[in-house]
Amino acid sequence: MIDLRSDTVTKPSKEMLEHMMGAPVGDDVFGEDPTVNELESYGAKLFGKEAAIFCSSGTQSNQIAINLHVSPGGEVICHYESHVFKYEGGGIARNSGASIRTIDGDRGRITASSIAKWLNPAHDVHFPLTQLVSIEDTSNRGGGAIYNYEDIQAIHALCIKNKLPLHLDGARLFNALVETQIDYSAYAANFETISICLSKGLGAPIGSLLLGTKEQIVKARRIRKVFGGGMRQAGIIAAAGLYAMKYNVERLKTDHTNAKVISNLLSSLNWVEDVVPVETNIIVAVVKDDETRNSIIERLKENHILCMPFGPGMIRFVTHLDIGEKEMEILTDRLKKI
């Protein structure tokens, strides 16, 4: 089976498993797990941030960050397709009691000018206080689109001017940075907090990091505890994340190359109307007939290719480290027969 549903379906490699099994552990709630501490220190230093906290998922790290920045009745500005709004179970409302201002943008990306239109006047009691801007890079719903760095800098400048924190959902941030080659610390300086997934393209079985200042991370530990996210001998899973960050970043370029190959092949098939331009590891195919989408997905499954529905008439494929040369050859052959 060639599983292209998501880059979360990967299995730990032999080398990653060896790192996990050999990891020294302690009680992380007491701050005594040396592997967790090493992972947090490594991630923070890599991006030039003061501190980090290891979380069980990207949703958890995003929700902790939002809870850090907003108070009940406040408002978060984000794209209407952003993960923090669309795929985190209403967490902003449930966990932080905040409202959400969703705005449109190109392939999941918003701009300073579009944000500026929706900054609520602080003196007008009819409106919730704008308290946070959140963006996502790469944009999942945008088909893995990468933010223009100048747009990020402009958003940062707008937030500074209006004394607003800027949060990054960086679930697939490494996919963006291996393409743009922007310095990690320079990039991270635009954000108050950054969430980074270790369980997507990097191939760890679980975990995310939230990066910020020492003060923010101290508060984040309390929020994580309240959310039920305190972990004990977590070094076993933290070791996978540490291995992933050290050895699985540069190889993301292979996933991007494979994604472009798949995109070109899909474009030649008679049931595909169009393919969203591929920038990283996500391919979104638009079928010619909306009504046939589900039957095509089922046909692909019958041919041992797994993929995901991605909206009306759209199918998503995601490349990852378990898709090597052999899998690409098999996939190419099977797709041509459908």
Protein backbone atom coordinates (compact mmCIF):
# COMPACT_ATOMS: atom_id res chain seq x y z
CA MET A 1 0.00 0.00 0.00
CA ILE A 2 1.32 3.44 -0.99
CA ASP A 3 -0.03 5.72 1.74
CA LEU A 4 -0.18 9.35 0.64
CA ARG A 5 -2.94 10.49 2.98
CA SER A 6 -0.56 12.53 5.13
CA ASP A 7 3.05 12.85 6.23
CA THR A 8 1.86 11.77 9.69
CA VAL A 9 1.62 8.10 8.64
CA THR A 10 5.38 7.44 8.73
CA LYS A 11 6.92 4.72 10.89
CA PRO A 12 10.09 5.31 12.93
CA SER A 13 13.22 4.14 11.13
CA LYS A 14 15.60 1.61 12.68
CA GLU A 15 17.99 4.42 13.59
CA MET A 16 15.23 6.49 15.18
CA LEU A 17 14.04 3.49 17.20
CA GLU A 18 17.57 2.90 18.45
CA HIS A 19 17.73 6.50 19.65
CA MET A 20 14.39 6.05 21.40
CA MET A 21 15.32 2.83 23.13
CA GLY A 22 18.65 4.20 24.30
CA ALA A 23 17.35 7.53 25.59
CA PRO A 24 18.01 8.47 29.21
CA VAL A 25 14.75 9.41 30.90
CA GLY A 26 13.40 11.07 34.02
CA ASP A 27 10.19 12.74 35.20
CA ASP A 28 9.47 15.61 32.82
CA VAL A 29 6.82 17.20 35.05
CA PHE A 30 9.63 17.64 37.57
CA GLY A 31 11.85 18.94 34.74
CA GLU A 32 14.13 15.93 35.20
CA ASP A 33 13.99 14.16 31.83
CA PRO A 34 17.40 14.81 30.25
CA THR A 35 16.28 13.88 26.72
CA VAL A 36 13.26 16.17 26.83
CA ASN A 37 15.47 18.94 28.18
CA GLU A 38 17.96 18.38 25.38
CA LEU A 39 15.23 18.46 22.73
CA GLU A 40 13.78 21.69 24.09
CA SER A 41 17.20 23.31 24.32
CA TYR A 42 18.14 22.16 20.82
CA GLY A 43 14.93 23.47 19.26
CA ALA A 44 15.10 26.83 21.03
CA LYS A 45 18.74 27.36 20.11
CA LEU A 46 18.14 26.35 16.50
CA PHE A 47 15.64 29.18 16.09
CA GLY A 48 17.29 31.71 18.34
CA LYS A 49 14.53 31.59 20.95
CA GLU A 50 15.08 31.59 24.71
CA ALA A 51 13.14 28.45 25.55
CA ALA A 52 10.85 25.67 24.34
CA ILE A 53 8.35 23.18 25.69
CA PHE A 54 7.72 19.67 24.38
CA CYS A 55 4.04 19.01 23.65
CA SER A 56 2.14 15.95 22.53
CA SER A 57 0.80 17.49 19.32
CA GLY A 58 0.74 20.55 17.12
CA THR A 59 -2.82 21.23 18.19
CA GLN A 60 -1.69 21.27 21.81
CA SER A 61 1.26 23.59 21.16
CA ASN A 62 -0.94 25.94 19.10
CA GLN A 63 -3.67 26.01 21.75
CA ILE A 64 -1.17 26.66 24.53
CA ALA A 65 0.28 29.57 22.55
CA ILE A 66 -3.13 31.07 21.90
CA ASN A 67 -4.02 30.72 25.58
CA LEU A 68 -0.79 32.53 26.43
CA HIS A 69 -1.65 35.51 24.27
CA VAL A 70 -5.39 36.06 24.60
CA SER A 71 -7.93 36.54 27.37
CA PRO A 72 -11.62 35.55 27.33
CA GLY A 73 -13.55 37.86 25.04
CA GLY A 74 -10.49 38.73 22.97
CA GLU A 75 -10.13 38.02 19.27
CA VAL A 76 -7.69 36.06 17.14
CA ILE A 77 -7.13 36.96 13.49
CA CYS A 78 -6.24 34.12 11.10
CA HIS A 79 -7.01 32.78 7.61
CA TYR A 80 -10.38 31.05 7.32
CA GLU A 81 -8.63 27.84 6.21
CA SER A 82 -6.00 27.90 8.96
CA HIS A 83 -5.46 24.81 11.09
CA VAL A 84 -5.95 26.67 14.39
CA PHE A 85 -9.47 27.57 13.26
CA LYS A 86 -10.56 24.69 11.05
CA TYR A 87 -8.97 21.57 12.48
CA GLU A 88 -8.50 22.06 16.23
CA GLY A 89 -12.01 21.22 17.40
CA GLY A 90 -13.08 24.74 18.26
CA GLY A 91 -10.19 24.92 20.71
CA ILE A 92 -9.80 28.70 20.58
CA ALA A 93 -13.34 29.15 21.88
CA ARG A 94 -13.29 26.20 24.26
CA ASN A 95 -9.82 26.62 25.75
CA SER A 96 -9.39 30.39 25.69
CA GLY A 97 -12.90 31.83 25.44
CA ALA A 98 -11.81 33.98 22.51
CA SER A 99 -13.61 34.89 19.30
CA ILE A 100 -12.05 34.43 15.88
CA ARG A 101 -11.87 36.81 12.94
CA THR A 102 -11.20 34.72 9.85
CA ILE A 103 -10.08 36.47 6.68
CA ASP A 104 -9.40 35.43 3.10
CA GLY A 105 -6.07 35.26 1.35
CA ASP A 106 -4.06 33.53 -1.36
CA ARG A 107 -3.79 29.77 -0.72
CA GLY A 108 -4.08 30.12 3.04
CA ARG A 109 -1.78 33.12 3.28
CA ILE A 110 -2.85 36.53 4.57
CA THR A 111 -1.18 39.93 4.25
CA ALA A 112 -0.58 42.93 6.47
CA SER A 113 -3.09 44.98 4.48
CA SER A 114 -5.82 42.36 4.86
CA ILE A 115 -5.15 42.08 8.61
CA ALA A 116 -5.15 45.86 9.10
CA LYS A 117 -8.76 46.08 7.90
CA TRP A 118 -9.92 43.90 10.77
CA LEU A 119 -8.05 45.37 13.74
CA ASN A 120 -10.82 46.36 16.10
CA PRO A 121 -10.81 49.82 17.72
CA ALA A 122 -9.85 49.39 21.37
CA HIS A 123 -12.05 52.30 22.48
CA ASP A 124 -15.25 50.86 21.00
CA VAL A 125 -16.93 48.50 23.47
CA HIS A 126 -19.04 46.92 20.72
CA PHE A 127 -16.05 45.00 19.39
CA PRO A 128 -13.84 42.32 20.95
CA LEU A 129 -10.25 43.39 21.53
CA THR A 130 -7.91 42.17 18.81
CA GLN A 131 -5.26 40.29 20.79
CA LEU A 132 -3.40 37.94 18.43
CA VAL A 133 -2.54 37.30 14.79
CA SER A 134 -1.79 33.73 13.76
CA ILE A 135 -0.40 32.53 10.43
CA GLU A 136 0.52 29.08 9.08
CA ASP A 137 3.68 28.29 7.09
CA THR A 138 3.49 26.17 5.04
CA SER A 139 -0.26 26.41 4.52
CA ASN A 140 -1.84 22.96 4.58
CA ARG A 141 -5.12 24.03 2.96
CA GLY A 142 -3.12 26.06 0.47
CA GLY A 143 -1.50 22.89 -0.82
CA GLY A 144 1.76 23.39 1.04
CA ALA A 145 2.18 27.01 -0.07
CA ILE A 146 5.13 28.92 1.38
CA TYR A 147 4.73 32.43 2.77
CA ASN A 148 6.61 35.22 1.02
CA TYR A 149 9.17 36.32 3.60
CA GLU A 150 8.57 40.00 2.87
CA ASP A 151 4.88 39.46 3.64
CA ILE A 152 5.83 37.92 6.99
CA GLN A 153 8.06 40.90 7.77
CA ALA A 154 5.22 43.28 6.87
CA ILE A 155 2.79 41.39 9.13
CA HIS A 156 5.37 41.50 11.92
CA ALA A 157 5.80 45.25 11.48
CA LEU A 158 2.02 45.74 11.61
CA CYS A 159 1.82 43.69 14.80
CA ILE A 160 4.66 45.65 16.41
CA LYS A 161 2.95 48.93 15.52
CA ASN A 162 -0.30 47.75 17.07
CA LYS A 163 1.33 45.97 20.04
CA LEU A 164 -0.02 42.60 18.95
CA PRO A 165 1.73 39.24 19.33
CA LEU A 166 2.23 37.16 16.18
CA HIS A 167 2.03 33.37 16.45
CA LEU A 168 3.25 30.90 13.84
CA ASP A 169 1.68 27.52 13.29
CA GLY A 170 4.82 26.00 11.82
CA ALA A 171 3.56 22.45 11.50
CA ARG A 172 5.50 22.15 8.25
CA LEU A 173 7.91 25.04 8.80
CA PHE A 174 10.98 22.97 7.92
CA ASN A 175 9.42 22.22 4.52
CA ALA A 176 9.34 25.97 3.90
CA LEU A 177 12.82 26.72 5.19
CA VAL A 178 14.63 24.00 3.22
CA GLU A 179 13.20 25.64 0.10
CA THR A 180 13.71 29.31 0.96
CA GLN A 181 17.03 28.82 2.81
CA ILE A 182 16.14 31.73 5.11
CA ASP A 183 18.19 31.80 8.30
CA TYR A 184 16.21 30.09 11.05
CA SER A 185 16.85 32.74 13.71
CA ALA A 186 16.11 35.63 11.35
CA TYR A 187 12.84 33.99 10.35
CA ALA A 188 11.84 33.19 13.95
CA ALA A 189 12.53 36.77 15.10
CA ASN A 190 9.27 37.81 13.44
CA PHE A 191 7.17 35.76 15.86
CA GLU A 192 6.38 35.87 19.56
CA THR A 193 5.73 32.14 19.61
CA ILE A 194 6.29 29.30 17.14
CA SER A 195 4.77 25.83 17.07
CA ILE A 196 6.79 23.17 15.24
CA CYS A 197 5.55 19.65 14.50
CA LEU A 198 8.01 16.76 14.75
CA SER A 199 5.51 14.13 13.61
CA LYS A 200 4.85 15.32 10.06
CA GLY A 201 7.62 15.57 7.47
CA LEU A 202 10.33 14.92 10.05
CA GLY A 203 8.96 11.45 10.74
CA ALA A 204 8.78 11.32 14.54
CA PRO A 205 5.85 9.26 15.87
CA ILE A 206 4.59 12.02 18.17
CA GLY A 207 5.31 15.50 19.43
CA SER A 208 5.66 19.21 18.77
CA LEU A 209 7.66 22.06 20.24
CA LEU A 210 6.42 25.48 21.29
CA LEU A 211 9.15 28.13 21.19
CA GLY A 212 9.14 31.49 22.94
CA THR A 213 10.69 33.52 25.72
CA LYS A 214 11.62 32.00 29.08
CA GLU A 215 8.70 33.80 30.69
CA GLN A 216 6.26 32.53 28.06
CA ILE A 217 7.44 28.95 28.39
CA VAL A 218 7.14 29.04 32.19
CA LYS A 219 3.50 30.06 31.69
CA ALA A 220 3.14 27.48 28.93
CA ARG A 221 4.11 24.70 31.34
CA ARG A 222 1.24 25.65 33.62
CA ILE A 223 -1.19 25.77 30.68
CA ARG A 224 0.05 22.41 29.40
CA LYS A 225 -0.58 20.93 32.85
CA VAL A 226 -4.11 22.37 32.92
CA PHE A 227 -4.71 20.89 29.45
CA GLY A 228 -3.67 17.49 30.80
CA GLY A 229 -0.43 17.52 28.85
CA GLY A 230 2.07 16.80 31.61
CA MET A 231 4.28 13.85 30.61
CA ARG A 232 6.55 11.71 32.77
CA GLN A 233 9.34 9.60 31.22
CA ALA A 234 8.80 11.35 27.90
CA GLY A 235 12.44 11.08 26.83
CA ILE A 236 11.56 7.94 24.87
CA ILE A 237 9.43 9.97 22.46
CA ALA A 238 11.49 13.13 22.75
CA ALA A 239 14.48 11.16 21.45
CA ALA A 240 12.57 10.54 18.21
CA GLY A 241 11.98 14.26 17.82
CA LEU A 242 15.62 15.04 18.55
CA TYR A 243 16.76 12.51 15.95
CA ALA A 244 14.24 13.93 13.45
CA MET A 245 15.46 17.50 13.87
CA LYS A 246 19.10 16.50 13.55
CA TYR A 247 18.88 14.09 10.62
CA ASN A 248 15.57 14.41 8.75
CA VAL A 249 15.37 18.08 7.77
CA GLU A 250 17.51 18.27 4.63
CA ARG A 251 15.96 15.11 3.20
CA LEU A 252 12.63 16.98 2.96
CA LYS A 253 13.88 18.15 -0.43
CA THR A 254 13.41 14.57 -1.65
CA ASP A 255 9.74 14.72 -0.64
CA HIS A 256 9.37 17.97 -2.58
CA THR A 257 10.98 16.47 -5.67
CA ASN A 258 8.71 13.43 -5.45
CA ALA A 259 5.69 15.69 -5.06
CA LYS A 260 6.54 17.50 -8.29
CA VAL A 261 6.92 14.17 -10.10
CA ILE A 262 3.50 13.05 -8.88
CA SER A 263 2.01 16.43 -9.81
CA ASN A 264 3.30 16.18 -13.38
CA LEU A 265 1.95 12.66 -13.72
CA LEU A 266 -1.47 13.58 -12.34
CA SER A 267 -1.68 16.49 -14.78
CA SER A 268 -1.46 14.03 -17.66
CA LEU A 269 -4.34 11.82 -16.50
CA ASN A 270 -7.73 12.15 -18.15
CA TRP A 271 -9.71 12.44 -14.90
CA VAL A 272 -7.64 15.39 -13.61
CA GLU A 273 -8.72 18.91 -14.52
CA ASP A 274 -5.88 20.73 -12.79
CA VAL A 275 -3.20 20.41 -10.10
CA VAL A 276 -2.50 23.18 -7.62
CA PRO A 277 1.12 24.37 -8.11
CA VAL A 278 3.40 22.28 -5.91
CA GLU A 279 5.80 24.15 -3.63
CA THR A 280 6.59 21.52 -0.99
CA ASN A 281 5.25 18.03 -0.23
CA ILE A 282 1.50 18.47 -0.74
CA ILE A 283 -0.23 17.78 -4.06
CA VAL A 284 -3.84 18.82 -4.61
CA ALA A 285 -5.54 17.44 -7.72
CA VAL A 286 -8.78 18.94 -9.01
CA VAL A 287 -10.92 16.31 -10.74
CA LYS A 288 -12.89 17.07 -13.89
CA ASP A 289 -16.19 16.00 -12.39
CA ASP A 290 -16.92 16.84 -8.74
CA GLU A 291 -19.32 13.92 -8.48
CA THR A 292 -16.58 11.41 -9.27
CA ARG A 293 -14.15 12.45 -6.53
CA ASN A 294 -15.14 9.78 -4.00
CA SER A 295 -15.28 7.02 -6.61
CA ILE A 296 -11.79 8.00 -7.83
CA ILE A 297 -10.46 7.86 -4.26
CA GLU A 298 -12.03 4.40 -3.91
CA ARG A 299 -10.53 3.30 -7.24
CA LEU A 300 -7.12 4.50 -6.07
CA LYS A 301 -7.57 2.53 -2.85
CA GLU A 302 -8.43 -0.59 -4.84
CA ASN A 303 -5.08 -0.07 -6.58
CA HIS A 304 -3.36 0.25 -3.19
CA ILE A 305 -2.96 4.03 -3.24
CA LEU A 306 -4.32 5.92 -0.24
CA CYS A 307 -5.17 9.63 -0.49
CA MET A 308 -7.59 12.13 1.08
CA PRO A 309 -10.63 14.15 -0.04
CA PHE A 310 -9.70 17.82 0.24
CA GLY A 311 -12.84 19.77 -0.48
CA PRO A 312 -15.32 19.74 -3.40
CA GLY A 313 -13.71 18.05 -6.39
CA MET A 314 -10.26 17.95 -4.80
CA ILE A 315 -7.96 15.13 -3.71
CA ARG A 316 -4.82 15.53 -1.60
CA PHE A 317 -1.62 13.49 -1.80
CA VAL A 318 1.29 14.06 0.61
CA THR A 319 4.82 12.73 0.16
CA HIS A 320 6.98 11.72 3.12
CA LEU A 321 10.08 9.78 4.15
CA ASP A 322 8.42 6.38 3.71
CA ILE A 323 8.02 7.10 -0.01
CA GLY A 324 11.33 6.16 -1.58
CA GLU A 325 12.45 5.28 -5.10
CA LYS A 326 10.79 1.87 -5.00
CA GLU A 327 7.48 3.32 -3.84
CA MET A 328 7.65 6.05 -6.49
CA GLU A 329 8.14 3.46 -9.24
CA ILE A 330 5.17 1.43 -8.00
CA LEU A 331 3.02 4.55 -7.62
CA THR A 332 3.86 5.81 -11.09
CA ASP A 333 2.94 2.49 -12.63
CA ARG A 334 -0.37 2.26 -10.76
CA LEU A 335 -1.44 5.83 -11.47
CA LYS A 336 -0.92 5.41 -15.19
CA LYS A 337 -3.43 2.55 -15.16
CA ILE A 338 -6.23 4.54 -13.57
